[in-house]
């Protein structure tokens, strides 16, 4: 048998009391590339992060374009060969 419900509740309460809540953080956002905390009105923490993020975005866009192109070609090929059967 496992621990009884009162023991579990007591343990949970002890853990909650022992944990110290950090002070409230000032309003901020996070860099889109590296997730470092930055000022609320900024998007990237540095120019390097912007360049890296833009490169990743272009690569992802190109990959999705190839995926859709291959999907269209496959659908057309299946529909053409299906009409011969």
N, C-alpha and C. Protein backbone atom coordinates (compact mmCIF):
# COMPACT_ATOMS: atom_id res chain seq x y z
N UNK A 1 0.84 -1.19 0.00
CA UNK A 1 0.00 0.00 0.00
C UNK A 1 0.88 1.25 0.00
N UNK A 2 0.42 2.27 -0.68
CA UNK A 2 1.13 3.53 -0.73
C UNK A 2 0.82 4.39 0.48
N UNK A 3 1.36 5.59 0.51
CA UNK A 3 1.11 6.48 1.63
C UNK A 3 -0.35 6.91 1.66
N UNK A 4 -0.81 7.19 2.86
CA UNK A 4 -2.21 7.58 3.00
C UNK A 4 -2.43 9.01 2.53
N UNK A 5 -3.66 9.33 2.23
CA UNK A 5 -4.01 10.65 1.72
C UNK A 5 -3.60 11.77 2.68
N UNK A 6 -3.82 11.66 3.98
CA UNK A 6 -3.40 12.74 4.88
C UNK A 6 -1.89 12.98 4.84
N UNK A 7 -1.10 11.89 4.70
CA UNK A 7 0.35 12.05 4.63
C UNK A 7 0.75 12.78 3.35
N UNK A 8 0.11 12.47 2.26
CA UNK A 8 0.41 13.12 0.99
C UNK A 8 0.05 14.60 1.07
N UNK A 9 -1.12 14.90 1.62
CA UNK A 9 -1.53 16.30 1.76
C UNK A 9 -0.58 17.07 2.65
N UNK A 10 -0.12 16.43 3.74
CA UNK A 10 0.83 17.07 4.65
C UNK A 10 2.14 17.34 3.92
N UNK A 11 2.61 16.38 3.13
CA UNK A 11 3.85 16.55 2.38
C UNK A 11 3.73 17.69 1.37
N UNK A 12 2.62 17.75 0.66
CA UNK A 12 2.41 18.81 -0.32
C UNK A 12 2.41 20.17 0.37
N UNK A 13 1.76 20.26 1.49
CA UNK A 13 1.70 21.52 2.23
C UNK A 13 3.10 21.93 2.70
N UNK A 14 3.90 20.99 3.17
CA UNK A 14 5.27 21.29 3.60
C UNK A 14 6.12 21.80 2.45
N UNK A 15 5.97 21.17 1.29
CA UNK A 15 6.74 21.59 0.12
C UNK A 15 6.33 23.01 -0.28
N UNK A 16 5.04 23.29 -0.28
CA UNK A 16 4.57 24.63 -0.63
C UNK A 16 5.10 25.68 0.33
N UNK A 17 5.11 25.37 1.61
CA UNK A 17 5.59 26.33 2.60
C UNK A 17 7.09 26.53 2.49
N UNK A 18 7.81 25.48 2.12
CA UNK A 18 9.27 25.56 2.03
C UNK A 18 9.73 26.32 0.79
N UNK A 19 8.93 26.28 -0.26
CA UNK A 19 9.34 26.97 -1.48
C UNK A 19 9.15 28.47 -1.30
N UNK A 20 10.15 29.19 -1.73
CA UNK A 20 10.12 30.65 -1.60
C UNK A 20 9.80 31.23 -2.96
N UNK A 21 8.78 32.04 -3.01
CA UNK A 21 8.40 32.67 -4.27
C UNK A 21 9.39 33.80 -4.58
N UNK A 22 9.92 33.85 -5.79
CA UNK A 22 10.83 34.93 -6.14
C UNK A 22 10.09 36.27 -6.20
N UNK A 23 10.87 37.33 -6.09
CA UNK A 23 10.25 38.65 -6.22
C UNK A 23 9.67 38.79 -7.61
N UNK A 24 8.71 39.64 -7.72
CA UNK A 24 8.04 39.85 -9.00
C UNK A 24 9.03 40.45 -10.00
N UNK A 25 9.09 39.85 -11.18
CA UNK A 25 9.99 40.33 -12.23
C UNK A 25 9.38 41.53 -12.92
N UNK A 26 10.22 42.44 -13.39
CA UNK A 26 9.68 43.57 -14.15
C UNK A 26 9.14 43.08 -15.49
N UNK A 27 8.25 43.83 -16.11
CA UNK A 27 7.72 43.42 -17.42
C UNK A 27 8.86 43.22 -18.42
N UNK A 28 8.81 42.11 -19.12
CA UNK A 28 9.85 41.81 -20.11
C UNK A 28 9.30 40.84 -21.15
N UNK A 29 10.08 40.66 -22.20
CA UNK A 29 9.77 39.63 -23.19
C UNK A 29 11.04 38.80 -23.35
N UNK A 30 11.03 37.88 -24.29
CA UNK A 30 12.19 37.02 -24.50
C UNK A 30 12.61 37.09 -25.96
N UNK A 31 13.91 37.02 -26.17
CA UNK A 31 14.48 37.02 -27.52
C UNK A 31 13.87 35.87 -28.31
N UNK A 32 13.44 36.14 -29.54
CA UNK A 32 12.83 35.10 -30.36
C UNK A 32 13.80 33.99 -30.74
N UNK A 33 15.09 34.28 -30.66
CA UNK A 33 16.07 33.29 -31.06
C UNK A 33 16.62 32.49 -29.88
N UNK A 34 17.07 33.17 -28.84
CA UNK A 34 17.77 32.47 -27.75
C UNK A 34 17.00 32.47 -26.43
N UNK A 35 15.84 33.11 -26.37
CA UNK A 35 14.98 33.11 -25.19
C UNK A 35 15.55 33.86 -23.99
N UNK A 36 16.55 34.70 -24.21
CA UNK A 36 17.10 35.52 -23.13
C UNK A 36 16.09 36.62 -22.79
N UNK A 37 15.88 36.91 -21.51
CA UNK A 37 14.96 38.00 -21.15
C UNK A 37 15.49 39.34 -21.68
N UNK A 38 14.60 40.11 -22.29
CA UNK A 38 14.96 41.42 -22.84
C UNK A 38 13.85 42.41 -22.51
N UNK A 39 14.08 43.67 -22.83
CA UNK A 39 13.07 44.70 -22.59
C UNK A 39 11.80 44.37 -23.37
N UNK A 40 10.68 44.83 -22.85
CA UNK A 40 9.38 44.50 -23.42
C UNK A 40 9.22 44.92 -24.88
N UNK A 41 9.81 46.03 -25.25
CA UNK A 41 9.61 46.57 -26.59
C UNK A 41 10.60 46.04 -27.62
N UNK A 42 11.49 45.15 -27.23
CA UNK A 42 12.48 44.60 -28.15
C UNK A 42 12.05 43.21 -28.62
N UNK A 43 12.62 42.78 -29.75
CA UNK A 43 12.29 41.47 -30.30
C UNK A 43 13.49 40.52 -30.17
N UNK A 44 14.69 41.04 -30.39
CA UNK A 44 15.92 40.26 -30.32
C UNK A 44 16.88 40.91 -29.34
N UNK A 45 17.76 40.09 -28.75
CA UNK A 45 18.72 40.62 -27.79
C UNK A 45 19.93 41.23 -28.48
N UNK A 46 20.21 40.83 -29.72
CA UNK A 46 21.37 41.36 -30.45
C UNK A 46 21.14 41.23 -31.95
N UNK A 47 21.99 41.89 -32.71
CA UNK A 47 21.91 41.78 -34.17
C UNK A 47 22.24 40.35 -34.62
N UNK A 48 23.15 39.71 -33.90
CA UNK A 48 23.52 38.34 -34.25
C UNK A 48 22.29 37.41 -34.14
N UNK A 49 21.52 37.57 -33.07
CA UNK A 49 20.32 36.75 -32.91
C UNK A 49 19.31 37.02 -34.02
N UNK A 50 19.20 38.27 -34.44
CA UNK A 50 18.28 38.61 -35.53
C UNK A 50 18.70 37.92 -36.82
N UNK A 51 20.00 37.96 -37.12
CA UNK A 51 20.52 37.33 -38.33
C UNK A 51 20.30 35.81 -38.28
N UNK A 52 20.59 35.20 -37.14
CA UNK A 52 20.42 33.75 -37.00
C UNK A 52 18.94 33.38 -37.14
N UNK A 53 18.06 34.15 -36.50
CA UNK A 53 16.62 33.88 -36.57
C UNK A 53 16.11 34.04 -38.00
N UNK A 54 16.55 35.10 -38.69
CA UNK A 54 16.12 35.31 -40.08
C UNK A 54 16.58 34.16 -40.97
N UNK A 55 17.80 33.66 -40.74
CA UNK A 55 18.31 32.52 -41.51
C UNK A 55 17.46 31.27 -41.27
N UNK A 56 17.11 31.04 -40.00
CA UNK A 56 16.27 29.88 -39.69
C UNK A 56 14.89 30.02 -40.33
N UNK A 57 14.34 31.23 -40.31
CA UNK A 57 13.02 31.47 -40.89
C UNK A 57 13.04 31.22 -42.39
N UNK A 58 14.08 31.70 -43.07
CA UNK A 58 14.20 31.47 -44.52
C UNK A 58 14.32 29.98 -44.82
N UNK A 59 15.11 29.29 -44.02
CA UNK A 59 15.30 27.85 -44.22
C UNK A 59 13.98 27.10 -44.02
N UNK A 60 13.23 27.47 -42.99
CA UNK A 60 11.94 26.83 -42.72
C UNK A 60 10.95 27.13 -43.85
N UNK A 61 10.95 28.35 -44.34
CA UNK A 61 10.05 28.73 -45.44
C UNK A 61 10.37 27.92 -46.70
N UNK A 62 11.66 27.79 -46.99
CA UNK A 62 12.09 27.02 -48.16
C UNK A 62 11.70 25.55 -48.00
N UNK A 63 11.87 25.00 -46.81
CA UNK A 63 11.53 23.61 -46.55
C UNK A 63 10.03 23.37 -46.74
N UNK A 64 9.22 24.29 -46.26
CA UNK A 64 7.76 24.15 -46.42
C UNK A 64 7.37 24.26 -47.89
N UNK A 65 8.03 25.14 -48.64
CA UNK A 65 7.75 25.27 -50.07
C UNK A 65 8.04 23.95 -50.78
N UNK A 66 9.18 23.31 -50.47
CA UNK A 66 9.52 22.01 -51.07
C UNK A 66 8.49 20.95 -50.69
N UNK A 67 8.05 20.97 -49.43
CA UNK A 67 7.06 20.00 -48.98
C UNK A 67 5.77 20.13 -49.78
N UNK A 68 5.28 21.36 -49.92
CA UNK A 68 4.03 21.58 -50.67
C UNK A 68 4.21 21.22 -52.14
N UNK A 69 5.34 21.54 -52.71
CA UNK A 69 5.61 21.22 -54.11
C UNK A 69 5.60 19.70 -54.32
N UNK A 70 6.27 18.98 -53.44
CA UNK A 70 6.30 17.52 -53.55
C UNK A 70 4.90 16.94 -53.35
N UNK A 71 4.13 17.51 -52.41
CA UNK A 71 2.77 17.03 -52.18
C UNK A 71 1.90 17.23 -53.42
N UNK A 72 2.01 18.37 -54.06
CA UNK A 72 1.23 18.66 -55.27
C UNK A 72 1.62 17.71 -56.39
N UNK A 73 2.92 17.50 -56.57
CA UNK A 73 3.39 16.59 -57.61
C UNK A 73 2.88 15.18 -57.33
N UNK A 74 2.92 14.75 -56.08
CA UNK A 74 2.43 13.41 -55.73
C UNK A 74 0.94 13.28 -56.01
N UNK A 75 0.17 14.28 -55.67
CA UNK A 75 -1.28 14.23 -55.91
C UNK A 75 -1.57 14.18 -57.40
N UNK A 76 -0.86 14.98 -58.16
CA UNK A 76 -1.06 14.97 -59.62
C UNK A 76 -0.65 13.61 -60.18
N UNK A 77 0.46 13.07 -59.74
CA UNK A 77 0.92 11.77 -60.24
C UNK A 77 -0.07 10.67 -59.90
N UNK A 78 -0.60 10.69 -58.70
CA UNK A 78 -1.58 9.68 -58.29
C UNK A 78 -2.86 9.82 -59.10
N UNK A 79 -3.30 11.04 -59.33
CA UNK A 79 -4.53 11.22 -60.09
C UNK A 79 -4.34 10.83 -61.57
N UNK A 80 -3.16 11.07 -62.13
CA UNK A 80 -2.91 10.68 -63.52
C UNK A 80 -2.87 9.17 -63.65
N UNK A 81 -2.11 8.52 -62.74
CA UNK A 81 -1.99 7.05 -62.83
C UNK A 81 -3.31 6.40 -62.44
N UNK A 82 -4.09 7.02 -61.62
CA UNK A 82 -5.39 6.48 -61.24
C UNK A 82 -6.36 6.48 -62.40
N UNK A 83 -6.22 7.43 -63.31
CA UNK A 83 -7.14 7.50 -64.45
C UNK A 83 -6.84 6.41 -65.48
N UNK A 84 -5.63 5.82 -65.44
CA UNK A 84 -5.27 4.76 -66.36
C UNK A 84 -5.75 3.40 -65.86
N UNK A 85 -6.10 3.30 -64.61
CA UNK A 85 -6.51 1.99 -64.06
C UNK A 85 -7.92 1.69 -64.30
